[in-house]
Amino acid sequence: SSLLLMSGVVVTVGLCRRLARRRLRSRPLLFAFVVEMFSTFQICACTNELSLLGNVEPKPHTALTLTYGFTVLHGLSLAGSTCNPCGTLQPMWGGGTSLGMGGLKIAAQFVAAVLARAFMHFIWSLEMAEPHLGVLSQGCSSPMQTTEMQAFCIELLFSVVFQLAVLQAESVNPKYRVHLIALLITMLVYAGGNLTGAIFNPALAFSLHADCFYEKFLSYSLVYWIAPCLGKFLILYVF
């Protein structure tokens, strides 16, 4: 049922993106906002559901396989979208995207994060599948299983590694690039998922753990917002 739910989200977002291309091409700002919002919604909604499957046997093979598979699917179906505020900063820094357009896309990403969380909470409240039972009663399910400083360093390091790999993979054939990026993300999740969640995406972090941001805003914003952005700026400064 979880696989059907995530597949349904991917198909629906694909149809919405196609409809947006047909109807909103003459309105570039609205088109950019809507496409980025739909794309980020897909990633946030699917990752919310994937986060419930971490304890499915055999552990951690099932969760890692699904992470790799859906990361490839996102890469193939969401071409042209960044779905990550850190990724949006690169063209803004280099002058390829205006400040207004970049801000619009980042706003779309956080709007999508909130919508995806609300949508998944509604689905979970129906308790149609075993992993959904009792999920909403857990409150802040903290992914930070280490000290704040260690978590900051881990997310910073993972952001640097990921952004560096994305830059280096630009010259790779797109049909191979998506598998390389998916493999890297899966490896990072395996290496640090039990410590910080290995998210390195501010919008996705907010969608997954909004309750934790409400309760411990300063520490969670430092680890899941500032650290990934700092990692991105380090890469931009070096290159």
Protein backbone atom coordinates (compact mmCIF):
# COMPACT_ATOMS: atom_id res chain seq x y z
CA SER A 1 0.00 0.00 0.00
CA SER A 2 2.90 2.38 0.70
CA LEU A 3 4.39 1.66 -2.72
CA LEU A 4 1.01 2.28 -4.35
CA LEU A 5 0.67 5.55 -2.46
CA MET A 6 4.10 6.81 -3.51
CA SER A 7 3.57 5.66 -7.10
CA GLY A 8 0.24 7.48 -7.14
CA VAL A 9 1.93 10.67 -5.96
CA VAL A 10 4.56 10.38 -8.71
CA VAL A 11 1.94 9.82 -11.43
CA THR A 12 -0.28 12.65 -10.18
CA VAL A 13 2.61 15.11 -9.99
CA GLY A 14 3.70 14.09 -13.49
CA LEU A 15 0.23 14.88 -14.84
CA CYS A 16 0.13 18.21 -12.98
CA ARG A 17 3.54 19.22 -14.33
CA ARG A 18 2.44 18.38 -17.87
CA LEU A 19 -0.76 20.38 -17.44
CA ALA A 20 1.22 23.33 -16.08
CA ARG A 21 3.49 23.27 -19.14
CA ARG A 22 0.47 23.48 -21.43
CA ARG A 23 -1.48 26.16 -19.57
CA LEU A 24 1.14 28.40 -17.90
CA ARG A 25 3.93 28.75 -20.47
CA SER A 26 2.87 32.35 -21.16
CA ARG A 27 3.23 33.23 -17.44
CA PRO A 28 6.84 32.33 -16.59
CA LEU A 29 6.80 33.35 -12.91
CA LEU A 30 3.65 31.40 -12.11
CA PHE A 31 4.89 28.48 -14.21
CA ALA A 32 8.21 28.36 -12.33
CA PHE A 33 6.44 28.52 -8.96
CA VAL A 34 3.89 25.83 -9.76
CA VAL A 35 6.37 23.38 -11.33
CA GLU A 36 8.84 23.77 -8.46
CA MET A 37 6.03 23.35 -5.94
CA PHE A 38 4.70 20.16 -7.54
CA SER A 39 8.20 18.70 -7.87
CA THR A 40 9.14 19.41 -4.26
CA PHE A 41 5.77 18.08 -3.12
CA GLN A 42 6.57 14.75 -4.79
CA ILE A 43 9.92 14.40 -3.04
CA CYS A 44 8.59 15.48 0.36
CA ALA A 45 5.49 13.29 0.23
CA CYS A 46 7.39 10.19 -0.89
CA THR A 47 10.17 10.73 1.66
CA ASN A 48 7.60 11.16 4.44
CA GLU A 49 6.22 7.74 3.54
CA LEU A 50 9.69 6.22 3.13
CA SER A 51 10.60 7.40 6.62
CA LEU A 52 7.98 4.99 8.00
CA LEU A 53 9.50 2.01 6.21
CA GLY A 54 12.90 2.10 7.92
CA ASN A 55 11.96 -0.79 10.21
CA VAL A 56 10.61 -3.05 7.48
CA GLU A 57 12.49 -6.35 7.35
CA PRO A 58 15.10 -7.05 6.21
CA LYS A 59 16.69 -3.98 7.78
CA PRO A 60 18.24 -1.81 6.39
CA HIS A 61 18.17 -3.40 2.94
CA THR A 62 14.50 -2.68 2.21
CA ALA A 63 14.69 0.99 3.18
CA LEU A 64 17.94 1.55 1.27
CA THR A 65 16.62 -0.20 -1.84
CA LEU A 66 13.48 1.94 -1.80
CA THR A 67 15.59 5.06 -1.22
CA TYR A 68 17.73 4.27 -4.26
CA GLY A 69 14.77 3.32 -6.45
CA PHE A 70 12.67 6.38 -5.68
CA THR A 71 15.67 8.71 -5.92
CA VAL A 72 16.23 7.43 -9.47
CA LEU A 73 12.52 7.88 -10.17
CA HIS A 74 12.61 11.46 -8.86
CA GLY A 75 15.67 12.22 -10.96
CA LEU A 76 14.05 10.92 -14.12
CA SER A 77 10.60 12.45 -13.59
CA LEU A 78 11.57 15.84 -12.13
CA ALA A 79 14.17 17.00 -14.64
CA GLY A 80 14.64 20.76 -14.54
CA SER A 81 13.59 21.20 -10.90
CA THR A 82 15.96 21.58 -7.96
CA CYS A 83 13.52 20.80 -5.10
CA ASN A 84 16.19 21.99 -2.68
CA PRO A 85 16.77 25.59 -1.49
CA CYS A 86 20.51 24.91 -1.44
CA GLY A 87 20.41 23.93 -5.12
CA THR A 88 18.51 27.12 -5.93
CA LEU A 89 21.30 29.20 -4.39
CA GLN A 90 23.84 28.12 -7.04
CA PRO A 91 22.30 29.88 -10.08
CA MET A 92 21.47 32.88 -7.86
CA TRP A 93 25.13 33.10 -6.79
CA GLY A 94 26.37 32.75 -10.37
CA GLY A 95 23.92 35.25 -11.79
CA GLY A 96 22.04 32.69 -13.88
CA THR A 97 18.84 33.28 -11.89
CA SER A 98 17.53 36.60 -10.63
CA LEU A 99 17.03 37.18 -6.93
CA GLY A 100 13.28 37.38 -7.45
CA MET A 101 13.06 34.12 -9.38
CA GLY A 102 15.31 32.35 -6.88
CA GLY A 103 13.23 33.61 -3.96
CA LEU A 104 10.07 32.52 -5.75
CA LYS A 105 11.39 28.97 -6.19
CA ILE A 106 12.53 28.73 -2.56
CA ALA A 107 9.09 29.92 -1.45
CA ALA A 108 7.52 27.25 -3.68
CA GLN A 109 9.72 24.59 -2.09
CA PHE A 110 8.66 25.47 1.45
CA VAL A 111 4.99 25.77 0.45
CA ALA A 112 5.28 22.28 -1.05
CA ALA A 113 6.94 21.02 2.14
CA VAL A 114 3.97 22.21 4.22
CA LEU A 115 1.40 20.85 1.74
CA ALA A 116 3.15 17.48 1.55
CA ARG A 117 3.20 17.18 5.33
CA ALA A 118 -0.50 18.09 5.60
CA PHE A 119 -1.38 15.63 2.83
CA MET A 120 0.59 12.77 4.39
CA HIS A 121 -0.90 13.46 7.82
CA PHE A 122 -4.35 13.18 6.27
CA ILE A 123 -3.41 9.88 4.61
CA TRP A 124 -1.87 8.56 7.83
CA SER A 125 -4.99 9.53 9.81
CA LEU A 126 -6.96 7.08 7.66
CA GLU A 127 -4.65 4.27 8.92
CA MET A 128 -5.00 2.30 5.71
CA ALA A 129 -1.66 0.52 6.18
CA GLU A 130 0.14 -0.97 9.16
CA PRO A 131 3.04 1.55 9.13
CA HIS A 132 0.47 4.36 9.52
CA LEU A 133 -0.92 3.08 12.83
CA GLY A 134 -0.22 5.53 15.65
CA VAL A 135 2.12 7.72 13.62
CA LEU A 136 0.30 10.97 14.33
CA SER A 137 0.44 10.45 18.10
CA GLN A 138 4.26 10.43 18.20
CA GLY A 139 4.80 14.20 18.03
CA CYS A 140 8.41 15.20 17.41
CA SER A 141 10.14 12.09 16.11
CA SER A 142 13.65 13.47 16.40
CA PRO A 143 16.15 12.32 13.75
CA MET A 144 19.03 13.89 15.71
CA GLN A 145 20.59 11.01 17.64
CA THR A 146 23.87 12.74 18.48
CA THR A 147 25.08 16.06 19.86
CA GLU A 148 24.07 19.28 18.14
CA MET A 149 27.65 20.07 17.09
CA GLN A 150 28.22 16.59 15.65
CA ALA A 151 24.89 16.75 13.83
CA PHE A 152 25.84 20.15 12.39
CA CYS A 153 29.17 18.80 11.15
CA ILE A 154 27.56 15.70 9.63
CA GLU A 155 24.93 17.66 7.70
CA LEU A 156 27.58 20.17 6.60
CA LEU A 157 29.88 17.40 5.39
CA PHE A 158 27.09 15.55 3.60
CA SER A 159 25.95 18.75 1.92
CA VAL A 160 29.49 19.45 0.69
CA VAL A 161 29.92 15.88 -0.60
CA PHE A 162 26.53 15.91 -2.32
CA GLN A 163 26.91 19.33 -3.94
CA LEU A 164 30.45 18.53 -5.07
CA ALA A 165 29.24 15.28 -6.63
CA VAL A 166 26.44 17.11 -8.45
CA LEU A 167 28.94 19.57 -9.91
CA GLN A 168 31.35 16.83 -10.97
CA ALA A 169 28.52 14.78 -12.51
CA GLU A 170 27.37 17.58 -14.84
CA SER A 171 29.56 16.20 -17.62
CA VAL A 172 28.17 12.65 -17.24
CA ASN A 173 25.48 11.33 -19.55
CA PRO A 174 22.11 12.16 -17.93
CA LYS A 175 20.89 8.54 -18.00
CA TYR A 176 23.95 7.52 -15.95
CA ARG A 177 24.10 10.68 -13.84
CA VAL A 178 20.78 10.01 -12.13
CA HIS A 179 22.00 6.57 -10.98
CA LEU A 180 25.27 8.01 -9.68
CA ILE A 181 23.46 10.67 -7.66
CA ALA A 182 20.94 8.11 -6.36
CA LEU A 183 23.75 5.78 -5.32
CA LEU A 184 25.51 8.62 -3.50
CA ILE A 185 22.34 9.64 -1.66
CA THR A 186 21.73 6.03 -0.64
CA MET A 187 25.29 5.73 0.67
CA LEU A 188 24.94 8.95 2.67
CA VAL A 189 21.64 7.78 4.14
CA TYR A 190 23.31 4.50 5.11
CA ALA A 191 26.29 6.30 6.64
CA GLY A 192 24.46 9.00 8.61
CA GLY A 193 20.77 8.21 8.56
CA ASN A 194 20.85 6.85 12.10
CA LEU A 195 22.57 10.01 13.40
CA THR A 196 20.86 12.94 11.66
CA GLY A 197 18.61 11.42 9.00
CA ALA A 198 21.09 12.52 6.30
CA ILE A 199 18.65 15.04 4.84
CA PHE A 200 20.82 18.01 3.63
CA ASN A 201 17.71 19.67 2.18
CA PRO A 202 16.12 22.47 4.26
CA ALA A 203 12.65 22.16 2.73
CA LEU A 204 12.60 18.36 3.06
CA ALA A 205 13.84 18.60 6.67
CA PHE A 206 10.99 20.94 7.54
CA SER A 207 8.44 18.67 5.88
CA LEU A 208 9.73 15.59 7.72
CA HIS A 209 10.27 17.13 11.16
CA ALA A 210 8.18 20.29 11.45
CA ASP A 211 7.18 19.42 15.03
CA CYS A 212 10.84 19.34 16.04
CA PHE A 213 11.38 22.76 14.48
CA TYR A 214 8.49 24.10 16.55
CA GLU A 215 9.93 22.69 19.79
CA LYS A 216 13.67 23.30 19.21
CA PHE A 217 13.79 25.86 16.43
CA LEU A 218 17.31 27.17 17.01
CA SER A 219 19.08 23.80 17.14
CA TYR A 220 17.11 22.31 14.24
CA SER A 221 17.48 25.39 12.04
CA LEU A 222 21.23 25.33 12.73
CA VAL A 223 21.60 21.66 11.76
CA TYR A 224 19.04 21.30 8.95
CA TRP A 225 18.95 24.78 7.42
CA ILE A 226 22.21 26.61 8.09
CA ALA A 227 24.58 23.62 7.77
CA PRO A 228 23.39 22.55 4.27
CA CYS A 229 23.37 26.15 3.03
CA LEU A 230 26.84 26.72 4.45
CA GLY A 231 28.04 23.58 2.69
CA LYS A 232 26.63 24.91 -0.57
CA PHE A 233 28.37 28.27 -0.14
CA LEU A 234 31.67 26.53 0.62
CA ILE A 235 31.44 24.64 -2.67
CA LEU A 236 30.47 27.79 -4.58
CA TYR A 237 33.38 29.70 -3.04
CA VAL A 238 35.89 26.97 -3.89
CA PHE A 239 34.68 26.59 -7.48
